[in-house]
Amino acid sequence: MDGPLAPAARRELVATMAAMLPISRFRAMPWIMVFELAVTLRKHWRLLEPNERARLAELVKKSQGRPARLSPTERRDVRRLVAKLEPAVIARSVVPIGRRATKSRRRV
């Protein structure tokens, strides 16, 4: 097929390419950075006791990402357990990993 694509075909192609971009970005991320991220997250996950980890996993699974599916008490439990994970510390330790990933991609 020579020549320009029909508008409908062009929209479909652009949508397909846009859907693929996040996957290609993930594939381009150096594996050492993925490993560093996993180590950081594991270290913080270990701050919780085994019963707390199980409880948090249970509540996240129950909520399916929607806090409204939890009772007020369960939402309080999630907030308390997430606070113990020290999310601000996780964010500060993960930012350098992300910066290295974006800098390495820009040079290519």
C-alpha atoms as a PDB file:
ATOM      1  CA  MET A   1       0.000   0.000   0.000  1.00  0.00           C
ATOM      2  CA  ASP A   2       1.668   3.191  -1.208  1.00  0.00           C
ATOM      3  CA  GLY A   3       0.638   6.665  -0.199  1.00  0.00           C
ATOM      4  CA  PRO A   4      -0.877   8.070   2.977  1.00  0.00           C
ATOM      5  CA  LEU A   5      -3.083   6.028   5.285  1.00  0.00           C
ATOM      6  CA  ALA A   6      -6.779   6.666   5.509  1.00  0.00           C
ATOM      7  CA  PRO A   7      -7.679   8.764   8.590  1.00  0.00           C
ATOM      8  CA  ALA A   8      -9.282   5.808  10.406  1.00  0.00           C
ATOM      9  CA  ALA A   9      -6.270   3.571   9.745  1.00  0.00           C
ATOM     10  CA  ARG A  10      -3.893   6.335  10.844  1.00  0.00           C
ATOM     11  CA  ARG A  11      -5.796   6.811  14.134  1.00  0.00           C
ATOM     12  CA  GLU A  12      -5.685   3.064  14.761  1.00  0.00           C
ATOM     13  CA  LEU A  13      -1.947   2.945  14.067  1.00  0.00           C
ATOM     14  CA  VAL A  14      -1.245   5.919  16.351  1.00  0.00           C
ATOM     15  CA  ALA A  15      -3.359   4.372  19.142  1.00  0.00           C
ATOM     16  CA  THR A  16      -1.504   1.064  18.769  1.00  0.00           C
ATOM     17  CA  MET A  17       1.876   2.781  18.882  1.00  0.00           C
ATOM     18  CA  ALA A  18       0.876   4.858  21.913  1.00  0.00           C
ATOM     19  CA  ALA A  19      -0.238   1.731  23.735  1.00  0.00           C
ATOM     20  CA  MET A  20       3.131   0.114  23.012  1.00  0.00           C
ATOM     21  CA  LEU A  21       5.278   2.999  24.272  1.00  0.00           C
ATOM     22  CA  PRO A  22       5.108   2.229  28.009  1.00  0.00           C
ATOM     23  CA  ILE A  23       6.170  -1.372  27.337  1.00  0.00           C
ATOM     24  CA  SER A  24       9.121  -0.304  25.212  1.00  0.00           C
ATOM     25  CA  ARG A  25      10.179   2.147  27.929  1.00  0.00           C
ATOM     26  CA  PHE A  26      10.082  -0.670  30.451  1.00  0.00           C
ATOM     27  CA  ARG A  27      12.153  -2.925  28.193  1.00  0.00           C
ATOM     28  CA  ALA A  28      14.703  -0.166  27.717  1.00  0.00           C
ATOM     29  CA  MET A  29      15.242   0.250  31.468  1.00  0.00           C
ATOM     30  CA  PRO A  30      18.569  -1.273  32.489  1.00  0.00           C
ATOM     31  CA  TRP A  31      18.053  -4.358  34.623  1.00  0.00           C
ATOM     32  CA  ILE A  32      20.440  -3.146  37.317  1.00  0.00           C
ATOM     33  CA  MET A  33      18.027  -0.290  38.018  1.00  0.00           C
ATOM     34  CA  VAL A  34      15.121  -2.718  38.261  1.00  0.00           C
ATOM     35  CA  PHE A  35      17.173  -4.748  40.719  1.00  0.00           C
ATOM     36  CA  GLU A  36      18.020  -1.641  42.794  1.00  0.00           C
ATOM     37  CA  LEU A  37      14.350  -0.697  42.904  1.00  0.00           C
ATOM     38  CA  ALA A  38      13.372  -4.213  44.005  1.00  0.00           C
ATOM     39  CA  VAL A  39      15.990  -4.192  46.760  1.00  0.00           C
ATOM     40  CA  THR A  40      14.774  -0.811  48.022  1.00  0.00           C
ATOM     41  CA  LEU A  41      11.139  -1.884  48.050  1.00  0.00           C
ATOM     42  CA  ARG A  42      11.970  -5.194  49.744  1.00  0.00           C
ATOM     43  CA  LYS A  43      13.900  -3.386  52.482  1.00  0.00           C
ATOM     44  CA  HIS A  44      10.880  -1.221  53.260  1.00  0.00           C
ATOM     45  CA  TRP A  45       8.429  -4.131  52.994  1.00  0.00           C
ATOM     46  CA  ARG A  46      10.521  -5.867  55.681  1.00  0.00           C
ATOM     47  CA  LEU A  47       9.778  -2.994  58.075  1.00  0.00           C
ATOM     48  CA  LEU A  48       6.371  -4.588  58.566  1.00  0.00           C
ATOM     49  CA  GLU A  49       5.881  -7.648  60.742  1.00  0.00           C
ATOM     50  CA  PRO A  50       4.761 -10.776  58.834  1.00  0.00           C
ATOM     51  CA  ASN A  51       1.184 -10.444  60.149  1.00  0.00           C
ATOM     52  CA  GLU A  52       1.123  -6.763  59.083  1.00  0.00           C
ATOM     53  CA  ARG A  53       2.355  -7.678  55.596  1.00  0.00           C
ATOM     54  CA  ALA A  54      -0.384 -10.277  55.304  1.00  0.00           C
ATOM     55  CA  ARG A  55      -2.997  -7.796  56.533  1.00  0.00           C
ATOM     56  CA  LEU A  56      -1.889  -5.084  54.099  1.00  0.00           C
ATOM     57  CA  ALA A  57      -1.867  -7.549  51.193  1.00  0.00           C
ATOM     58  CA  GLU A  58      -5.335  -8.757  52.196  1.00  0.00           C
ATOM     59  CA  LEU A  59      -6.721  -5.210  52.353  1.00  0.00           C
ATOM     60  CA  VAL A  60      -5.164  -4.163  49.042  1.00  0.00           C
ATOM     61  CA  LYS A  61      -6.575  -7.260  47.383  1.00  0.00           C
ATOM     62  CA  LYS A  62     -10.010  -6.661  48.931  1.00  0.00           C
ATOM     63  CA  SER A  63     -10.078  -3.013  47.862  1.00  0.00           C
ATOM     64  CA  GLN A  64      -8.887  -3.727  44.303  1.00  0.00           C
ATOM     65  CA  GLY A  65      -7.360  -0.261  44.366  1.00  0.00           C
ATOM     66  CA  ARG A  66     -10.566   1.445  45.490  1.00  0.00           C
ATOM     67  CA  PRO A  67     -10.565   2.727  49.066  1.00  0.00           C
ATOM     68  CA  ALA A  68     -14.373   2.979  49.022  1.00  0.00           C
ATOM     69  CA  ARG A  69     -14.527  -0.819  49.060  1.00  0.00           C
ATOM     70  CA  LEU A  70     -13.022  -0.833  52.547  1.00  0.00           C
ATOM     71  CA  SER A  71     -14.668   0.064  55.830  1.00  0.00           C
ATOM     72  CA  PRO A  72     -13.376   3.149  57.670  1.00  0.00           C
ATOM     73  CA  THR A  73     -11.490   0.881  60.083  1.00  0.00           C
ATOM     74  CA  GLU A  74      -9.853  -0.992  57.207  1.00  0.00           C
ATOM     75  CA  ARG A  75      -8.871   2.292  55.539  1.00  0.00           C
ATOM     76  CA  ARG A  76      -7.281   3.409  58.815  1.00  0.00           C
ATOM     77  CA  ASP A  77      -5.366   0.110  58.911  1.00  0.00           C
ATOM     78  CA  VAL A  78      -4.089   0.654  55.370  1.00  0.00           C
ATOM     79  CA  ARG A  79      -2.950   4.198  56.186  1.00  0.00           C
ATOM     80  CA  ARG A  80      -1.205   3.025  59.353  1.00  0.00           C
ATOM     81  CA  LEU A  81       0.567   0.157  57.592  1.00  0.00           C
ATOM     82  CA  VAL A  82       1.603   2.257  54.595  1.00  0.00           C
ATOM     83  CA  ALA A  83       2.982   4.900  56.955  1.00  0.00           C
ATOM     84  CA  LYS A  84       5.188   2.205  58.516  1.00  0.00           C
ATOM     85  CA  LEU A  85       6.617   1.528  55.026  1.00  0.00           C
ATOM     86  CA  GLU A  86       8.014   5.088  55.057  1.00  0.00           C
ATOM     87  CA  PRO A  87       6.801   6.138  51.581  1.00  0.00           C
ATOM     88  CA  ALA A  88       8.693   9.460  51.664  1.00  0.00           C
ATOM     89  CA  VAL A  89      11.957   7.634  52.284  1.00  0.00           C
ATOM     90  CA  ILE A  90      11.147   5.203  49.462  1.00  0.00           C
ATOM     91  CA  ALA A  91      10.494   8.124  47.116  1.00  0.00           C
ATOM     92  CA  ARG A  92      13.770   9.843  48.010  1.00  0.00           C
ATOM     93  CA  SER A  93      15.740   6.641  47.502  1.00  0.00           C
ATOM     94  CA  VAL A  94      14.023   5.777  44.195  1.00  0.00           C
ATOM     95  CA  VAL A  95      14.395   9.202  42.549  1.00  0.00           C
ATOM     96  CA  PRO A  96      18.126   8.742  41.786  1.00  0.00           C
ATOM     97  CA  ILE A  97      17.324   5.417  40.100  1.00  0.00           C
ATOM     98  CA  GLY A  98      14.753   7.113  37.874  1.00  0.00           C
ATOM     99  CA  ARG A  99      17.112   9.971  37.067  1.00  0.00           C
ATOM    100  CA  ARG A 100      19.790   7.547  35.913  1.00  0.00           C
ATOM    101  CA  ALA A 101      17.245   5.768  33.714  1.00  0.00           C
ATOM    102  CA  THR A 102      16.125   8.965  31.990  1.00  0.00           C
ATOM    103  CA  LYS A 103      19.665  10.282  31.555  1.00  0.00           C
ATOM    104  CA  SER A 104      20.882   7.034  29.989  1.00  0.00           C
ATOM    105  CA  ARG A 105      17.984   7.056  27.512  1.00  0.00           C
ATOM    106  CA  ARG A 106      18.628  10.671  26.484  1.00  0.00           C
ATOM    107  CA  ARG A 107      22.199   9.940  25.486  1.00  0.00           C
ATOM    108  CA  VAL A 108      21.216   7.153  23.127  1.00  0.00           C
END
